[in-house]
Amino acid sequence: MLRHYLDAISLTERLHRQFLDVLKAELEARQIRDINNVQALILFNIGGDEVTVGELTLRGYYLGSNVSYNLKKMIEAGYLAHSRSPHDKRTVRIALSPKGRALWVELDAILGGHASLLEASDAVPGLAAANATLRGLERFWGQAARAAMHAIDQRLESEPAEPAEAPASGEEATPFPIPARQVRWAAAE
């Protein structure tokens, strides 16, 4: 089972990279050079929705490390429009601009063409079953991540609290210790 599991992890990564290569070639064939393949995939996944950066990463459409950079570049290129939330000025809502919607239509046609070619060639029998298996892996990894984070939280809650740092001159001392869990999460931010 370990061999199959490791193969699935490796294959998933390779397939994603190959798909990005195909998308890059499709953009180049259409002489679309002001957006890259990763940005085009983000744009396609936004579709007709209005989303925040956090929603994009929660949906699993993007890994998140450079999502803000890519969104900024797409806004600069005119593919996305953005506005501040009227209820929370810290939150920025992102949606496709008319230029972005036009590219979305092209991308939809490209992917629809790929699907038609796959169906006609029968090159990938059992695609629905493969998708079901991948969704099962997605659920498993989500559960595994939550279980690991829960174990970390349990361990940190059992650790003694760290003493508060000595105040800088002129500052008041904190009268309570900082739990190790809060120190860990604050350091990660």
Protein backbone atom coordinates (compact mmCIF):
# COMPACT_ATOMS: atom_id res chain seq x y z
CA MET A 1 0.00 0.00 0.00
CA LEU A 2 2.86 2.39 0.79
CA ARG A 3 4.15 2.11 -2.78
CA HIS A 4 0.70 2.94 -4.24
CA TYR A 5 0.31 5.84 -1.82
CA LEU A 6 3.70 7.34 -2.69
CA ASP A 7 3.02 6.83 -6.41
CA ALA A 8 -0.29 8.69 -6.06
CA ILE A 9 1.45 11.62 -4.36
CA SER A 10 4.14 11.79 -7.03
CA LEU A 11 1.70 11.36 -9.91
CA THR A 12 -0.62 14.06 -8.57
CA GLU A 13 2.25 16.55 -8.50
CA ARG A 14 3.46 15.58 -12.00
CA LEU A 15 -0.04 15.81 -13.46
CA HIS A 16 -0.49 19.29 -12.02
CA ARG A 17 2.83 20.42 -13.51
CA GLN A 18 2.00 18.88 -16.88
CA PHE A 19 -1.38 20.58 -16.91
CA LEU A 20 0.31 23.92 -16.21
CA ASP A 21 2.69 23.22 -19.13
CA VAL A 22 -0.30 22.54 -21.41
CA LEU A 23 -1.99 25.72 -20.22
CA LYS A 24 1.22 27.69 -20.85
CA ALA A 25 1.41 26.33 -24.41
CA GLU A 26 -2.27 27.16 -25.02
CA LEU A 27 -1.73 30.75 -23.85
CA GLU A 28 1.39 31.07 -26.00
CA ALA A 29 -0.43 29.67 -29.04
CA ARG A 30 -2.98 32.47 -28.62
CA GLN A 31 -0.20 35.03 -28.05
CA ILE A 32 -1.51 35.82 -24.57
CA ARG A 33 1.63 36.94 -22.80
CA ASP A 34 0.44 39.31 -20.08
CA ILE A 35 -0.70 36.50 -17.80
CA ASN A 36 1.08 33.28 -16.86
CA ASN A 37 -0.33 29.77 -16.62
CA VAL A 38 -0.72 29.81 -12.82
CA GLN A 39 -2.50 33.16 -12.95
CA ALA A 40 -4.75 31.89 -15.76
CA LEU A 41 -5.71 28.89 -13.61
CA ILE A 42 -6.51 31.18 -10.68
CA LEU A 43 -8.58 33.38 -13.01
CA PHE A 44 -10.47 30.35 -14.34
CA ASN A 45 -11.24 29.13 -10.83
CA ILE A 46 -12.55 32.56 -9.79
CA GLY A 47 -15.00 32.40 -12.69
CA GLY A 48 -18.15 34.40 -12.07
CA ASP A 49 -17.59 34.64 -8.32
CA GLU A 50 -16.45 37.54 -6.19
CA VAL A 51 -13.90 36.17 -3.72
CA THR A 52 -11.33 37.15 -1.13
CA VAL A 53 -7.73 35.91 -1.06
CA GLY A 54 -8.62 33.71 1.90
CA GLU A 55 -11.55 32.14 0.05
CA LEU A 56 -9.31 31.25 -2.89
CA THR A 57 -6.88 29.39 -0.67
CA LEU A 58 -9.64 27.73 1.37
CA ARG A 59 -11.27 26.44 -1.80
CA GLY A 60 -8.01 24.70 -2.51
CA TYR A 61 -7.50 26.45 -5.82
CA TYR A 62 -4.11 27.81 -4.92
CA LEU A 63 -1.35 27.08 -2.48
CA GLY A 64 -1.40 30.58 -1.08
CA SER A 65 2.27 31.48 -0.83
CA ASN A 66 2.15 33.86 -3.79
CA VAL A 67 -1.58 34.32 -4.24
CA SER A 68 -1.48 38.02 -3.30
CA TYR A 69 1.39 38.64 -5.73
CA ASN A 70 -0.44 36.85 -8.56
CA LEU A 71 -3.69 38.69 -7.86
CA LYS A 72 -1.82 42.01 -7.86
CA LYS A 73 -0.26 41.17 -11.24
CA MET A 74 -3.66 40.20 -12.69
CA ILE A 75 -5.18 43.45 -11.41
CA GLU A 76 -2.31 45.42 -12.99
CA ALA A 77 -2.85 43.55 -16.30
CA GLY A 78 -6.57 44.36 -16.21
CA TYR A 79 -7.88 40.81 -15.72
CA LEU A 80 -9.31 41.39 -12.25
CA ALA A 81 -11.23 44.15 -10.51
CA HIS A 82 -11.04 44.63 -6.77
CA SER A 83 -12.96 46.55 -4.14
CA ARG A 84 -12.88 46.89 -0.37
CA SER A 85 -15.65 45.27 1.57
CA PRO A 86 -18.07 47.91 2.90
CA HIS A 87 -18.30 45.97 6.18
CA ASP A 88 -14.62 45.25 6.76
CA LYS A 89 -12.12 47.63 5.18
CA ARG A 90 -9.33 45.07 5.64
CA THR A 91 -11.04 42.65 3.25
CA VAL A 92 -10.62 43.04 -0.50
CA ARG A 93 -13.09 41.37 -2.86
CA ILE A 94 -11.78 40.17 -6.23
CA ALA A 95 -13.83 39.55 -9.40
CA LEU A 96 -13.10 39.19 -13.10
CA SER A 97 -12.99 42.37 -15.15
CA PRO A 98 -14.41 42.38 -18.71
CA LYS A 99 -10.92 41.43 -19.97
CA GLY A 100 -10.81 38.63 -17.38
CA ARG A 101 -14.25 37.36 -18.41
CA ALA A 102 -13.12 37.28 -22.05
CA LEU A 103 -10.09 35.17 -21.11
CA TRP A 104 -12.30 32.94 -18.94
CA VAL A 105 -14.45 32.22 -22.01
CA GLU A 106 -11.31 31.28 -23.99
CA LEU A 107 -10.05 29.05 -21.18
CA ASP A 108 -13.45 27.39 -20.89
CA ALA A 109 -13.34 26.63 -24.63
CA ILE A 110 -9.79 25.26 -24.33
CA LEU A 111 -10.71 22.96 -21.45
CA GLY A 112 -13.93 21.95 -23.18
CA GLY A 113 -11.87 21.02 -26.23
CA HIS A 114 -9.55 18.94 -24.07
CA ALA A 115 -12.54 17.13 -22.57
CA SER A 116 -13.96 16.43 -26.05
CA LEU A 117 -10.62 15.04 -27.23
CA LEU A 118 -10.40 12.83 -24.15
CA GLU A 119 -13.91 11.54 -24.68
CA ALA A 120 -13.36 10.86 -28.39
CA SER A 121 -10.03 9.09 -27.87
CA ASP A 122 -11.04 7.11 -24.81
CA ALA A 123 -7.45 7.75 -23.68
CA VAL A 124 -8.46 8.00 -20.05
CA PRO A 125 -11.03 5.34 -19.22
CA GLY A 126 -12.36 5.55 -15.71
CA LEU A 127 -11.78 9.29 -15.26
CA ALA A 128 -14.85 9.56 -12.99
CA ALA A 129 -13.52 6.72 -10.82
CA ALA A 130 -10.09 8.38 -10.71
CA ASN A 131 -11.73 11.63 -9.58
CA ALA A 132 -13.59 9.77 -6.84
CA THR A 133 -10.30 8.27 -5.65
CA LEU A 134 -8.62 11.68 -5.67
CA ARG A 135 -11.51 13.16 -3.67
CA GLY A 136 -11.05 10.35 -1.16
CA LEU A 137 -7.35 11.27 -0.87
CA GLU A 138 -8.31 14.92 -0.44
CA ARG A 139 -10.65 14.00 2.44
CA PHE A 140 -8.01 11.74 3.99
CA TRP A 141 -5.33 14.44 3.84
CA GLY A 142 -7.72 17.01 5.31
CA GLN A 143 -8.49 14.66 8.19
CA ALA A 144 -4.81 13.81 8.65
CA ALA A 145 -3.84 17.49 8.75
CA ARG A 146 -6.57 18.26 11.30
CA ALA A 147 -5.52 15.29 13.44
CA ALA A 148 -1.87 16.38 13.35
CA MET A 149 -2.76 19.97 14.30
CA HIS A 150 -4.97 18.67 17.10
CA ALA A 151 -2.08 16.55 18.42
CA ILE A 152 0.20 19.61 18.33
CA ASP A 153 -2.39 21.67 20.20
CA GLN A 154 -2.80 18.92 22.81
CA ARG A 155 0.96 18.72 23.34
CA LEU A 156 1.33 22.48 23.61
CA GLU A 157 -1.54 22.74 26.08
CA SER A 158 0.21 20.25 28.32
CA GLU A 159 3.51 22.18 28.24
CA PRO A 160 4.14 24.69 31.00
CA ALA A 161 3.59 28.33 30.15
CA GLU A 162 6.63 30.36 29.19
CA PRO A 163 7.42 33.28 31.45
CA ALA A 164 6.53 36.66 30.06
CA GLU A 165 9.39 38.63 28.54
CA ALA A 166 10.92 41.34 30.65
CA PRO A 167 9.38 44.67 29.68
CA ALA A 168 11.45 47.25 27.84
CA SER A 169 12.28 50.27 29.92
CA GLY A 170 9.22 52.43 30.42
CA GLU A 171 6.74 49.59 29.63
CA GLU A 172 4.45 47.87 32.11
CA ALA A 173 5.14 44.25 32.99
CA THR A 174 2.60 41.64 31.86
CA PRO A 175 1.15 40.12 35.06
CA PHE A 176 0.53 36.67 33.53
CA PRO A 177 2.60 34.08 31.66
CA ILE A 178 2.03 33.45 27.94
CA PRO A 179 0.86 29.89 27.17
CA ALA A 180 3.28 28.00 24.88
CA ARG A 181 0.48 27.54 22.33
CA GLN A 182 0.09 31.30 21.89
CA VAL A 183 3.83 31.76 21.58
CA ARG A 184 3.96 29.11 18.82
CA TRP A 185 1.11 30.60 16.79
CA ALA A 186 2.37 34.17 17.21
CA ALA A 187 5.81 33.13 15.96
CA ALA A 188 4.23 31.52 12.89
CA GLU A 189 2.46 34.70 11.84
